């Protein structure tokens, strides 16, 4: 679970990109702009739940994570990030 103060990076090693061209461009842009860059978590917020969905949420899609990267704030869905293991 991601929490404020964690050091995170894009979890792009296991991405399976949907076949749509827009999705391919989006994920490639994320990799180009943020791939391999450490980020510090500032906030973790629950996403508002739409009324028309099932009661069970898909893992990782229920949180917005605000991070500091390259001197600016950026918001990611928690499923796109992984916590960096600092223990070695």
Protein backbone atom coordinates (compact mmCIF):
# COMPACT_ATOMS: atom_id res chain seq x y z
CA UNK A 1 0.00 0.00 0.00
CA UNK A 2 1.35 3.40 -0.98
CA UNK A 3 1.44 6.05 1.73
CA UNK A 4 2.73 9.65 2.03
CA UNK A 5 6.52 9.78 2.28
CA UNK A 6 7.08 6.63 0.20
CA UNK A 7 9.59 6.64 -2.62
CA UNK A 8 7.87 5.30 -5.75
CA UNK A 9 8.55 4.75 -9.45
CA UNK A 10 6.42 3.83 -12.43
CA UNK A 11 5.51 0.16 -12.39
CA UNK A 12 5.97 -0.05 -16.14
CA UNK A 13 7.75 -3.42 -16.32
CA UNK A 14 4.51 -5.39 -16.38
CA UNK A 15 2.26 -3.06 -18.32
CA UNK A 16 -0.01 -4.69 -20.84
CA UNK A 17 -1.08 -1.83 -23.04
CA UNK A 18 -4.54 -1.95 -24.57
CA UNK A 19 -4.55 -2.04 -28.37
CA UNK A 20 -6.02 1.42 -28.93
CA UNK A 21 -3.62 3.91 -30.47
CA UNK A 22 -4.54 6.58 -27.91
CA UNK A 23 -3.67 4.22 -25.05
CA UNK A 24 -0.37 3.28 -26.69
CA UNK A 25 0.57 6.94 -27.03
CA UNK A 26 -0.47 7.68 -23.43
CA UNK A 27 1.57 4.86 -21.88
CA UNK A 28 4.58 5.62 -24.09
CA UNK A 29 4.45 9.27 -23.01
CA UNK A 30 4.34 8.21 -19.35
CA UNK A 31 7.40 6.01 -19.87
CA UNK A 32 9.27 8.76 -21.70
CA UNK A 33 8.44 11.49 -19.19
CA UNK A 34 8.57 9.55 -15.89
CA UNK A 35 10.18 6.14 -16.51
CA UNK A 36 13.10 5.44 -14.17
CA UNK A 37 12.58 8.62 -12.15
CA UNK A 38 12.12 8.37 -8.38
CA UNK A 39 9.08 10.18 -7.00
CA UNK A 40 8.11 11.09 -3.43
CA UNK A 41 4.49 10.56 -2.42
CA UNK A 42 2.83 13.71 -1.04
CA UNK A 43 -0.80 12.57 -0.75
CA UNK A 44 -2.93 9.49 -1.29
CA UNK A 45 -6.63 10.16 -1.87
CA UNK A 46 -9.61 7.90 -2.47
CA UNK A 47 -11.28 8.41 -5.81
CA UNK A 48 -14.96 9.26 -5.66
CA UNK A 49 -16.96 6.13 -6.36
CA UNK A 50 -19.40 6.36 -9.26
CA UNK A 51 -22.88 5.20 -8.27
CA UNK A 52 -23.28 2.89 -11.26
CA UNK A 53 -20.33 0.56 -10.49
CA UNK A 54 -20.18 -2.65 -8.49
CA UNK A 55 -19.50 -2.38 -4.78
CA UNK A 56 -16.11 -4.05 -5.16
CA UNK A 57 -13.50 -1.84 -6.70
CA UNK A 58 -10.70 -3.04 -8.94
CA UNK A 59 -7.43 -3.21 -7.01
CA UNK A 60 -5.22 -0.20 -7.58
CA UNK A 61 -7.85 1.91 -9.29
CA UNK A 62 -9.36 3.31 -6.10
CA UNK A 63 -6.61 5.80 -5.18
CA UNK A 64 -5.12 8.95 -6.65
CA UNK A 65 -1.50 9.48 -5.66
CA UNK A 66 0.04 12.96 -5.69
CA UNK A 67 3.81 12.80 -6.14
CA UNK A 68 6.68 15.24 -6.51
CA UNK A 69 8.80 14.51 -9.57
CA UNK A 70 11.22 16.82 -11.39
CA UNK A 71 10.27 19.67 -9.04
CA UNK A 72 6.55 19.57 -9.80
CA UNK A 73 3.44 17.79 -8.59
CA UNK A 74 1.91 15.04 -10.68
CA UNK A 75 -1.13 12.81 -10.05
CA UNK A 76 -1.13 9.10 -10.89
CA UNK A 77 -3.54 6.23 -10.31
CA UNK A 78 -2.04 3.95 -7.68
CA UNK A 79 -1.95 0.97 -10.08
CA UNK A 80 0.67 2.77 -12.21
CA UNK A 81 3.18 3.06 -9.33
CA UNK A 82 5.32 0.75 -7.24
CA UNK A 83 7.07 1.42 -3.96
CA UNK A 84 10.86 1.37 -4.24
CA UNK A 85 12.35 -1.26 -1.92
CA UNK A 86 14.91 0.63 0.14
CA UNK A 87 16.02 -2.36 2.20
CA UNK A 88 18.41 -3.55 -0.45
